[in-house]
Protein backbone atom coordinates (compact mmCIF):
# COMPACT_ATOMS: atom_id res chain seq x y z
CA MET A 1 0.00 0.00 0.00
CA SER A 2 1.41 3.35 -1.01
CA ASP A 3 1.68 6.04 1.67
CA ILE A 4 2.04 8.90 -0.83
CA ARG A 5 -0.11 11.92 0.05
CA LEU A 6 -2.56 12.97 -2.66
CA GLU A 7 -4.16 16.41 -2.91
CA LYS A 8 -7.42 16.54 -4.82
CA LEU A 9 -7.35 19.26 -7.50
CA ASP A 10 -10.72 18.46 -9.05
CA ASP A 11 -12.91 15.43 -9.76
CA TYR A 12 -10.31 13.82 -12.05
CA ARG A 13 -6.88 15.11 -11.02
CA TRP A 14 -4.78 14.42 -7.93
CA ARG A 15 -1.52 16.16 -7.08
CA ILE A 16 1.47 14.68 -5.28
CA PRO A 17 3.19 17.65 -3.63
CA PRO A 18 6.96 17.74 -4.11
CA VAL A 19 8.91 16.52 -1.09
CA GLY A 20 12.53 15.58 -0.61
CA GLY A 21 14.35 15.42 -3.93
CA MET A 22 11.25 15.76 -6.14
CA ARG A 23 11.92 18.46 -8.74
CA VAL A 24 8.27 18.77 -9.83
CA PRO A 25 4.91 17.65 -8.41
CA GLY A 26 3.21 14.43 -9.41
CA LEU A 27 -0.14 14.50 -11.22
CA ILE A 28 -2.45 11.49 -11.31
CA TYR A 29 -5.65 11.27 -13.35
CA SER A 30 -8.27 9.30 -11.46
CA SER A 31 -11.67 9.48 -9.78
CA ASP A 32 -12.85 8.94 -6.23
CA SER A 33 -14.15 5.49 -7.11
CA MET A 34 -10.87 4.36 -8.72
CA LEU A 35 -8.48 5.66 -6.06
CA GLY A 36 -8.60 2.30 -4.29
CA PHE A 37 -6.97 0.63 -7.27
CA ILE A 38 -4.29 3.31 -7.43
CA GLY A 39 -3.44 2.94 -3.74
CA SER A 40 -3.22 -0.85 -3.93
CA ASP A 41 0.37 -0.95 -5.20
CA GLN A 42 3.47 1.26 -5.26
CA SER A 43 2.67 3.06 -8.50
CA PRO A 44 2.03 6.46 -6.79
CA GLN A 45 5.47 6.14 -5.20
CA GLN A 46 6.87 5.49 -8.66
CA VAL A 47 5.23 8.70 -9.91
CA ALA A 48 7.02 10.54 -7.10
CA ASN A 49 10.30 8.76 -7.86
CA VAL A 50 10.22 9.84 -11.52
CA ALA A 51 9.85 13.45 -10.33
CA HIS A 52 13.42 13.23 -8.95
CA LEU A 53 14.99 12.91 -12.41
CA PRO A 54 16.98 15.87 -13.83
CA GLY A 55 15.37 18.02 -16.49
CA ILE A 56 11.81 16.85 -15.87
CA LEU A 57 9.25 19.46 -16.88
CA LYS A 58 5.93 20.48 -15.27
CA TYR A 59 4.83 17.17 -13.72
CA SER A 60 5.52 13.47 -13.35
CA MET A 61 2.17 12.14 -14.58
CA ALA A 62 0.14 8.94 -14.55
CA MET A 63 -3.08 8.01 -16.31
CA PRO A 64 -6.11 6.24 -14.72
CA ASP A 65 -4.99 2.83 -16.03
CA MET A 66 -1.76 3.17 -14.02
CA HIS A 67 -0.21 0.25 -12.16
CA TRP A 68 3.19 -0.81 -10.91
CA GLY A 69 5.93 -1.19 -13.53
CA TYR A 70 9.71 -1.29 -13.84
CA GLY A 71 11.01 2.08 -12.62
CA PHE A 72 8.23 4.18 -14.13
CA PRO A 73 4.64 3.18 -13.45
CA ILE A 74 2.77 1.71 -16.40
CA GLY A 75 0.54 4.59 -17.40
CA GLY A 76 3.36 7.05 -16.71
CA VAL A 77 4.15 10.18 -18.72
CA ALA A 78 7.17 12.46 -18.25
CA ALA A 79 8.82 15.05 -20.47
CA PHE A 80 12.46 16.09 -20.19
CA ASP A 81 14.50 19.06 -21.36
CA LEU A 82 16.89 18.13 -24.17
CA ASP A 83 19.89 19.91 -22.63
CA ASP A 84 19.86 18.75 -19.02
CA GLY A 85 17.23 15.99 -19.07
CA VAL A 86 17.59 12.22 -19.15
CA ILE A 87 16.35 9.20 -21.06
CA SER A 88 15.37 6.12 -19.04
CA PRO A 89 14.62 2.70 -20.57
CA GLY A 90 12.25 2.10 -17.66
CA GLY A 91 10.21 5.05 -18.91
CA VAL A 92 9.63 3.29 -22.22
CA GLY A 93 9.28 -0.31 -21.07
CA TYR A 94 10.44 -3.69 -22.28
CA ASP A 95 7.98 -3.99 -25.18
CA ILE A 96 9.16 -0.94 -27.12
CA ASN A 97 6.41 0.43 -29.38
CA CYS A 98 3.81 -1.94 -28.13
CA GLY A 99 0.83 -0.40 -29.84
CA VAL A 100 -2.62 -0.73 -31.33
CA ARG A 101 -3.77 -0.83 -34.94
CA LEU A 102 -7.45 -0.40 -35.89
CA MET A 103 -8.76 -1.48 -39.29
CA ALA A 104 -12.25 -0.79 -40.62
CA THR A 105 -14.10 -2.93 -43.17
CA ARG A 106 -17.13 -2.50 -45.43
CA LEU A 107 -18.75 -5.41 -43.61
CA PHE A 108 -21.44 -5.33 -40.94
CA PHE A 109 -22.01 -7.90 -38.24
CA ASP A 110 -24.86 -9.60 -40.13
CA ASP A 111 -22.36 -10.23 -42.96
CA ILE A 112 -20.07 -12.35 -40.77
CA LYS A 113 -22.09 -13.69 -37.84
CA ASP A 114 -22.64 -17.09 -39.46
CA ARG A 115 -18.95 -17.35 -40.43
CA LEU A 116 -17.48 -15.88 -37.24
CA TYR A 117 -16.07 -19.16 -35.92
CA ASP A 118 -14.45 -19.88 -39.27
CA LEU A 119 -12.94 -16.40 -39.37
CA VAL A 120 -11.45 -16.69 -35.87
CA ALA A 121 -10.14 -20.20 -36.61
CA SER A 122 -8.56 -19.06 -39.87
CA LEU A 123 -6.90 -16.10 -38.20
CA PHE A 124 -5.61 -18.37 -35.44
CA GLN A 125 -4.13 -20.74 -38.03
CA THR A 126 -2.61 -17.92 -40.10
CA ILE A 127 -1.17 -15.56 -37.48
CA PRO A 128 1.71 -17.03 -35.42
CA THR A 129 0.94 -16.57 -31.72
CA GLY A 130 2.42 -17.51 -28.36
CA VAL A 131 5.63 -17.15 -26.36
CA GLY A 132 8.66 -17.38 -28.62
CA SER A 133 6.50 -17.89 -31.70
CA LYS A 134 8.34 -17.76 -35.02
CA GLY A 135 7.10 -16.10 -38.16
CA ASN A 136 6.84 -17.42 -41.68
CA LEU A 137 9.53 -14.98 -42.79
CA LYS A 138 13.19 -15.79 -42.08
CA LEU A 139 15.43 -12.73 -42.23
CA SER A 140 19.15 -12.48 -42.79
CA VAL A 141 20.91 -10.08 -40.44
CA SER A 142 21.43 -7.56 -43.25
CA GLU A 143 17.72 -7.68 -44.17
CA GLU A 144 16.70 -7.40 -40.52
CA LYS A 145 18.78 -4.24 -40.24
CA LYS A 146 16.80 -2.80 -43.16
CA VAL A 147 13.61 -3.47 -41.16
CA LEU A 148 15.13 -1.64 -38.18
CA ARG A 149 15.95 1.38 -40.33
CA ASP A 150 12.82 1.54 -42.54
CA GLY A 151 9.97 0.29 -40.32
CA ALA A 152 6.56 -0.19 -41.94
CA GLN A 153 7.94 1.11 -45.26
CA TRP A 154 10.07 -2.05 -45.46
CA ALA A 155 6.92 -4.18 -45.22
CA VAL A 156 5.01 -2.13 -47.79
CA ASP A 157 7.95 -2.28 -50.22
CA ARG A 158 7.70 -6.08 -50.06
CA GLY A 159 4.01 -6.27 -50.77
CA PHE A 160 2.60 -6.24 -47.25
CA GLY A 161 -0.01 -3.51 -47.72
CA ASP A 162 0.34 -0.18 -49.51
CA THR A 163 1.34 3.43 -48.98
CA ASN A 164 -2.16 4.36 -47.79
CA ASP A 165 -1.39 2.33 -44.68
CA LEU A 166 1.71 4.42 -43.99
CA ALA A 167 -0.29 7.65 -44.12
CA MET A 168 -2.50 6.36 -41.29
CA THR A 169 0.35 5.19 -39.07
CA GLU A 170 1.89 7.33 -36.34
CA ASP A 171 5.05 8.92 -37.81
CA ARG A 172 4.24 7.03 -41.04
CA GLY A 173 5.57 3.90 -39.36
CA VAL A 174 9.21 4.92 -39.07
CA MET A 175 11.19 6.70 -36.36
CA ASP A 176 14.18 8.73 -37.50
CA GLY A 177 17.60 8.13 -36.02
CA ALA A 178 17.50 4.34 -35.91
CA ASP A 179 20.97 2.79 -35.93
CA PRO A 180 21.15 -1.02 -36.13
CA ASP A 181 24.86 -0.89 -35.25
CA VAL A 182 24.00 -0.07 -31.62
CA VAL A 183 21.72 -3.13 -31.33
CA SER A 184 23.33 -6.23 -29.79
CA ASP A 185 23.83 -9.49 -31.65
CA ARG A 186 21.57 -11.16 -29.08
CA ALA A 187 18.74 -8.72 -29.85
CA LEU A 188 19.18 -9.21 -33.59
CA GLU A 189 19.10 -12.97 -33.15
CA ARG A 190 15.85 -12.78 -31.17
CA GLY A 191 14.27 -10.57 -33.81
CA LYS A 192 15.29 -12.55 -36.89
CA GLN A 193 12.50 -15.14 -36.70
CA GLN A 194 9.76 -13.21 -34.90
CA LEU A 195 8.76 -10.63 -37.49
CA GLY A 196 5.08 -11.15 -38.32
CA THR A 197 4.13 -12.73 -34.99
CA LEU A 198 1.53 -11.63 -32.48
CA GLY A 199 3.22 -12.73 -29.27
CA SER A 200 1.59 -13.63 -25.99
CA GLY A 201 0.38 -12.05 -22.73
CA ASN A 202 -1.96 -9.14 -23.34
CA HIS A 203 -1.26 -9.09 -27.09
CA PHE A 204 -4.23 -10.01 -29.25
CA LEU A 205 -5.97 -9.74 -32.58
CA GLU A 206 -9.68 -9.10 -32.14
CA ILE A 207 -12.70 -8.86 -34.42
CA GLU A 208 -14.97 -6.16 -33.04
CA VAL A 209 -18.22 -4.43 -33.95
CA VAL A 210 -19.02 -0.73 -33.57
CA GLU A 211 -21.54 -0.78 -30.73
CA THR A 212 -21.97 2.89 -29.76
CA ILE A 213 -21.09 6.19 -31.39
CA PHE A 214 -20.64 9.19 -29.08
CA ASP A 215 -19.42 11.79 -31.59
CA GLU A 216 -20.96 11.57 -35.06
CA THR A 217 -18.64 14.17 -36.60
CA ALA A 218 -15.47 12.43 -35.46
CA ALA A 219 -16.86 8.99 -36.28
CA THR A 220 -17.65 10.11 -39.82
CA ALA A 221 -14.12 11.51 -40.22
CA LEU A 222 -12.69 8.17 -39.07
CA GLY A 223 -15.15 6.21 -41.23
CA LEU A 224 -16.95 4.41 -38.38
CA LYS A 225 -20.60 3.29 -38.55
CA LEU A 226 -22.89 1.40 -36.18
CA ASN A 227 -22.61 -2.42 -36.43
CA GLN A 228 -19.58 -2.12 -38.72
CA VAL A 229 -16.97 -4.88 -38.44
CA VAL A 230 -13.50 -3.70 -37.44
CA VAL A 231 -10.28 -5.43 -36.41
CA VAL A 232 -7.93 -4.44 -33.59
CA ILE A 233 -4.30 -5.63 -33.39
CA HIS A 234 -2.31 -5.16 -30.18
CA SER A 235 1.35 -6.18 -30.46
CA GLY A 236 4.87 -4.79 -30.24
CA SER A 237 8.56 -5.37 -30.96
CA ARG A 238 8.67 -8.92 -29.58
CA GLY A 239 11.97 -10.36 -28.31
CA LEU A 240 14.06 -7.76 -30.13
CA GLY A 241 12.53 -4.85 -28.20
CA TYR A 242 12.73 -6.74 -24.91
CA GLN A 243 16.43 -7.48 -25.44
CA ILE A 244 17.25 -3.87 -26.38
CA CYS A 245 15.62 -2.65 -23.18
CA ASP A 246 17.41 -5.32 -21.13
CA ASP A 247 20.80 -4.57 -22.70
CA TYR A 248 20.64 -0.82 -22.10
CA LEU A 249 19.22 -1.14 -18.60
CA ALA A 250 22.09 -3.44 -17.66
CA HIS A 251 24.58 -0.96 -19.12
CA MET A 252 23.05 2.05 -17.34
CA VAL A 253 22.65 0.26 -14.00
CA LYS A 254 26.40 -0.36 -13.95
CA LYS A 255 26.97 3.40 -14.25
CA ILE A 256 24.49 4.53 -11.59
CA ASP A 257 27.24 5.36 -9.08
CA LYS A 258 28.87 7.68 -11.62
CA LEU A 259 25.76 9.83 -12.07
CA ASP A 260 25.97 13.35 -10.65
CA PHE A 261 22.53 13.04 -9.02
CA PRO A 262 20.96 10.47 -6.67
CA LEU A 263 18.30 8.00 -7.81
CA PRO A 264 15.47 7.02 -5.45
CA ASP A 265 15.21 3.66 -7.27
CA ARG A 266 17.88 1.79 -9.24
CA GLN A 267 15.20 0.81 -11.74
CA LEU A 268 15.25 4.45 -12.88
CA ALA A 269 18.71 3.90 -14.37
CA CYS A 270 19.15 6.54 -17.06
CA ALA A 271 21.57 8.64 -19.07
CA TYR A 272 21.59 12.28 -20.08
CA LEU A 273 19.91 12.83 -23.42
CA ASP A 274 22.98 14.61 -24.79
CA SER A 275 25.38 11.87 -23.65
CA ASN A 276 26.78 9.11 -25.83
CA GLU A 277 24.82 6.51 -23.81
CA GLY A 278 21.60 8.48 -24.15
CA ARG A 279 21.98 8.90 -27.90
CA GLN A 280 22.78 5.21 -28.36
CA TYR A 281 19.70 4.12 -26.42
CA LEU A 282 17.47 6.44 -28.47
CA ALA A 283 18.95 5.01 -31.69
CA ALA A 284 18.41 1.42 -30.51
CA MET A 285 14.90 2.21 -29.24
CA ALA A 286 14.06 3.65 -32.67
CA CYS A 287 15.15 0.35 -34.23
CA ALA A 288 12.72 -1.56 -32.00
CA ALA A 289 9.95 0.95 -32.75
CA ASN A 290 10.47 0.44 -36.48
CA TYR A 291 10.47 -3.34 -36.06
CA ALA A 292 7.12 -3.11 -34.23
CA TRP A 293 5.55 -0.99 -36.97
CA ALA A 294 6.73 -3.44 -39.62
CA ASN A 295 5.38 -6.28 -37.49
CA ARG A 296 1.88 -4.81 -37.18
CA GLN A 297 1.90 -3.95 -40.90
CA MET A 298 2.51 -7.60 -41.77
CA LEU A 299 -0.11 -8.82 -39.30
CA MET A 300 -2.64 -6.49 -40.90
CA HIS A 301 -1.77 -7.73 -44.41
CA TRP A 302 -2.32 -11.36 -43.41
CA THR A 303 -5.56 -10.41 -41.67
CA ARG A 304 -6.82 -8.84 -44.90
CA GLU A 305 -5.94 -11.97 -46.85
CA THR A 306 -7.58 -14.21 -44.24
CA PHE A 307 -10.86 -12.28 -44.40
CA GLU A 308 -10.87 -12.45 -48.20
CA ARG A 309 -10.03 -16.17 -48.29
CA THR A 310 -12.42 -17.25 -45.54
CA LEU A 311 -15.40 -15.16 -46.63
CA LYS A 312 -14.64 -15.71 -50.33
CA LYS A 313 -14.96 -12.01 -51.01
CA SER A 314 -12.81 -9.64 -53.04
CA PRO A 315 -10.53 -7.02 -51.48
CA ARG A 316 -13.01 -4.40 -52.69
CA ASP A 317 -15.93 -6.17 -50.98
CA ILE A 318 -14.01 -6.52 -47.70
CA GLY A 319 -12.64 -2.98 -47.96
CA MET A 320 -10.24 -3.41 -45.03
CA ARG A 321 -8.37 -0.16 -44.47
CA LEU A 322 -6.24 1.18 -41.68
CA ILE A 323 -7.92 3.80 -39.51
CA TYR A 324 -4.81 4.40 -37.41
CA ASP A 325 -1.83 2.80 -35.70
CA VAL A 326 -0.64 4.34 -32.45
CA CYS A 327 2.14 3.28 -30.09
CA HIS A 328 2.03 3.42 -26.30
CA ASN A 329 5.55 2.48 -25.14
CA ILE A 330 7.95 5.05 -26.54
CA ALA A 331 10.11 8.12 -25.92
CA LYS A 332 9.89 10.81 -28.60
CA ILE A 333 11.29 14.25 -29.32
CA GLU A 334 8.25 16.49 -29.73
CA GLU A 335 7.49 20.21 -29.65
CA PHE A 336 5.19 21.92 -27.13
CA PHE A 337 4.44 25.38 -25.77
CA ILE A 338 5.92 25.61 -22.28
CA ASP A 339 5.91 28.85 -20.29
CA GLY A 340 4.89 30.75 -23.40
CA LYS A 341 7.67 29.36 -25.59
CA SER A 342 7.85 26.56 -28.13
CA ARG A 343 10.33 23.93 -26.93
CA LYS A 344 11.43 20.50 -28.11
CA VAL A 345 11.35 17.97 -25.30
CA CYS A 346 11.70 14.21 -24.91
CA VAL A 347 8.35 12.72 -23.87
CA HIS A 348 8.37 9.29 -22.21
CA ARG A 349 5.05 7.48 -22.63
CA LYS A 350 4.98 4.11 -20.91
CA GLY A 351 1.55 2.59 -21.18
CA ALA A 352 0.25 5.94 -22.40
CA THR A 353 -0.99 7.04 -25.82
CA ARG A 354 -0.22 10.14 -27.85
CA ALA A 355 -3.32 12.33 -28.19
CA LEU A 356 -2.63 15.24 -30.54
CA PRO A 357 -5.31 17.94 -30.93
CA PRO A 358 -7.26 19.05 -34.01
CA GLY A 359 -5.12 21.03 -36.42
CA HIS A 360 -1.81 19.48 -35.44
CA PRO A 361 0.52 19.26 -38.47
CA ALA A 362 1.58 15.67 -37.64
CA LEU A 363 -1.94 14.39 -38.34
CA PRO A 364 -3.20 13.00 -41.66
CA ASP A 365 -5.32 15.56 -43.52
CA ARG A 366 -8.42 13.43 -42.99
CA TYR A 367 -8.16 13.66 -39.19
CA ARG A 368 -6.86 17.19 -38.79
CA PRO A 369 -10.34 18.68 -38.21
CA VAL A 370 -11.16 16.24 -35.35
CA GLY A 371 -7.82 15.30 -33.76
CA GLN A 372 -5.63 12.21 -33.61
CA PRO A 373 -7.37 8.83 -33.27
CA VAL A 374 -6.64 7.30 -29.85
CA LEU A 375 -7.16 3.53 -29.57
CA ILE A 376 -7.90 2.07 -26.12
CA PRO A 377 -8.33 -1.71 -25.83
CA GLY A 378 -10.16 -3.16 -22.83
CA ASP A 379 -9.77 -6.52 -21.14
CA MET A 380 -10.08 -9.74 -23.14
CA GLY A 381 -13.47 -10.14 -24.73
CA THR A 382 -14.79 -6.71 -23.75
CA GLY A 383 -13.88 -4.55 -26.70
CA SER A 384 -12.17 -1.24 -27.26
CA TYR A 385 -12.72 2.50 -27.38
CA VAL A 386 -11.89 4.99 -30.08
CA LEU A 387 -11.18 8.52 -28.87
CA VAL A 388 -9.53 11.60 -30.35
CA GLY A 389 -6.90 13.94 -28.92
CA THR A 390 -7.67 17.38 -27.54
CA GLU A 391 -6.10 20.79 -27.11
CA LYS A 392 -6.23 20.32 -23.34
CA ALA A 393 -4.07 17.21 -23.58
CA PHE A 394 -1.59 19.11 -25.73
CA LEU A 395 -1.33 21.85 -23.10
CA GLU A 396 -1.57 19.76 -19.95
CA THR A 397 -0.20 16.24 -20.53
CA PHE A 398 2.27 16.71 -23.39
CA GLY A 399 -0.41 15.35 -25.72
CA SER A 400 -0.95 12.13 -23.80
CA THR A 401 -3.81 10.01 -22.48
CA CYS A 402 -4.46 6.46 -21.21
CA HIS A 403 -3.65 3.28 -23.16
CA GLY A 404 -5.98 0.55 -21.88
CA ALA A 405 -7.81 -0.82 -18.87
CA GLY A 406 -4.75 -1.40 -16.67
CA ARG A 407 -4.08 -4.50 -14.58
CA VAL A 408 -5.31 -4.91 -11.01
CA MET A 409 -4.07 -8.52 -10.62
CA SER A 410 -0.62 -9.89 -11.28
CA ARG A 411 -0.46 -12.79 -13.72
CA ALA A 412 0.14 -15.17 -10.81
CA GLN A 413 -2.91 -13.82 -8.97
CA ALA A 414 -5.02 -14.14 -12.12
CA LYS A 415 -3.97 -17.76 -12.60
CA LYS A 416 -4.90 -18.52 -9.02
CA ALA A 417 -8.28 -16.80 -9.38
CA SER A 418 -9.06 -18.71 -12.58
CA ARG A 419 -8.02 -22.16 -11.36
CA GLY A 420 -10.53 -24.82 -12.41
CA ARG A 421 -12.37 -22.51 -14.80
CA SER A 422 -12.76 -22.78 -18.55
CA ILE A 423 -12.08 -19.22 -19.64
CA ALA A 424 -12.78 -19.97 -23.31
CA ARG A 425 -16.22 -21.30 -22.35
CA GLU A 426 -16.89 -18.26 -20.16
CA MET A 427 -16.02 -16.03 -23.10
CA LYS A 428 -18.33 -18.06 -25.36
CA ASP A 429 -21.13 -17.50 -22.84
CA ARG A 430 -20.47 -13.79 -23.33
CA ASN A 431 -20.80 -14.27 -27.12
CA VAL A 432 -17.07 -13.93 -27.75
CA ILE A 433 -15.11 -16.68 -29.55
CA VAL A 434 -11.59 -16.87 -28.12
CA MET A 435 -8.72 -19.06 -29.32
CA ALA A 436 -5.29 -19.16 -27.67
CA THR A 437 -2.09 -21.17 -27.96
CA GLY A 438 -2.24 -22.20 -24.30
CA LYS A 439 -4.84 -22.02 -21.54
CA GLY A 440 -2.27 -20.32 -19.30
CA THR A 441 -2.57 -17.12 -21.33
CA LEU A 442 -6.35 -17.11 -20.97
CA GLN A 443 -6.00 -17.62 -17.21
CA GLU A 444 -3.57 -14.70 -16.94
CA GLU A 445 -5.83 -12.47 -19.02
CA ILE A 446 -9.20 -13.03 -17.31
CA PRO A 447 -11.39 -9.93 -17.46
CA GLU A 448 -11.32 -9.38 -13.69
CA ALA A 449 -7.52 -9.02 -13.83
CA TYR A 450 -8.13 -5.56 -15.31
CA LYS A 451 -9.83 -2.34 -14.34
CA ASP A 452 -13.14 -1.47 -15.95
CA VAL A 453 -12.20 0.16 -19.25
CA ASP A 454 -15.46 2.14 -19.29
CA SER A 455 -14.43 3.87 -16.05
CA VAL A 456 -10.88 4.53 -17.26
CA VAL A 457 -12.12 6.10 -20.50
CA ASP A 458 -14.76 8.15 -18.67
CA ILE A 459 -12.00 9.75 -16.58
CA VAL A 460 -9.85 10.88 -19.51
CA HIS A 461 -12.97 12.02 -21.38
CA LYS A 462 -14.33 14.06 -18.48
CA ALA A 463 -10.87 15.38 -17.65
CA GLY A 464 -10.75 16.65 -21.24
CA ILE A 465 -7.48 14.99 -22.28
CA SER A 466 -9.20 12.89 -24.95
CA LYS A 467 -12.74 12.67 -26.28
CA LYS A 468 -14.91 9.58 -26.77
CA VAL A 469 -15.85 8.77 -30.35
CA ALA A 470 -17.02 5.13 -30.35
CA ARG A 471 -17.19 1.96 -28.28
CA LEU A 472 -16.39 -1.32 -29.98
CA ARG A 473 -17.73 -4.72 -28.83
CA ALA A 474 -15.54 -7.81 -29.13
CA VAL A 475 -16.94 -10.85 -30.94
CA GLY A 476 -13.81 -12.90 -31.74
CA CYS A 477 -10.27 -12.94 -30.37
CA ILE A 478 -6.99 -14.78 -30.88
CA LYS A 479 -4.17 -14.75 -28.32
CA GLY A 480 -0.80 -16.38 -27.70
């Protein structure tokens, strides 16, 4: 139980006053009803710990889906000055550029309801899933390095989708500054055979149906209609990203005693942004981000083909197109107005989603009038939310919002709670077809292991840092 003192600012914001070595206050987005979840682990203490880091600006923040993580809380957001600020692998996470991709189709639920089982089964057979799963594509080291430099463009150049997909991907699916030469041989080896795989844990591919529309204007801009069939992919950089994080954490931990400032937690191991170590981590992180974008691009391509093959419909009839792809484990150099001046800063988002406002130049023309699509998956079998970014988020949270429901049980606790239960049958009783490589994953991902995504999304909506557009209902899901 955390003993951090929280000061209520309003119905949806709570301040941690700076004490000791905190350089800025903490700021937590929550509600009275969800504070019990936030106080149940050490994540508020982690918010306070992050506030000790040099160069941090305005606040150390956490979103309502926050829970304990490595160094930074999951759900944490922090921005750092480029001159005297730091970069911390714990502020990005092990699954670099874990993110969400939403695809719309021309189909409605009545078009697929009698073929839903076949669709889920075909996807499960086509998409490699599970711990250590290997893809159908075997890369040489030189070709893998091209993936790390070019991201989703590499996949499109090889026939996995088209350039329209790139236009609807955050940063067009490639992060500048990637340098494969600062990625270890071990990381490259882990990545060689995992491109085009879904992974395990909370990663999934889900068939969903648009259940509710909250904002007709934004929904029209995104191309969403009631009862429309959509697909959500949640995956990341697989073993390559994990190894990059592990390698650089190990390197930075060894140098903690040489830092010219104290750390309240060794898991906050970091390096100055303008140091050689900091630049190398950013270059390696960009490689993992690009790998993840290429990975989701390939998964989407095979999903398109599976729909066409299983339903025996043409690409035109299916009409599967990318609405947006957004990452939620990343550190990025972005520009904001701070104290009346435009400044470039390094924003860490760990389990948090970018939420740019209407009019922002980084957005595709189609979305500029309404803001950036924000994709928020819920627990297994529940569904997802589509939101858009706001001006308030741009001014208050460095253009950031929540990323999901957020765990309230560890995986071990979830397995214990689900002992003796058939989770797949429980999902079927809820009219959701679920297929997974092993029953252990389903036990770890039971719905009660997560917060209520409706409540999480209500907080960020009412706090004004993103705006609800649509709620999507899950009907079919594959997992590792």
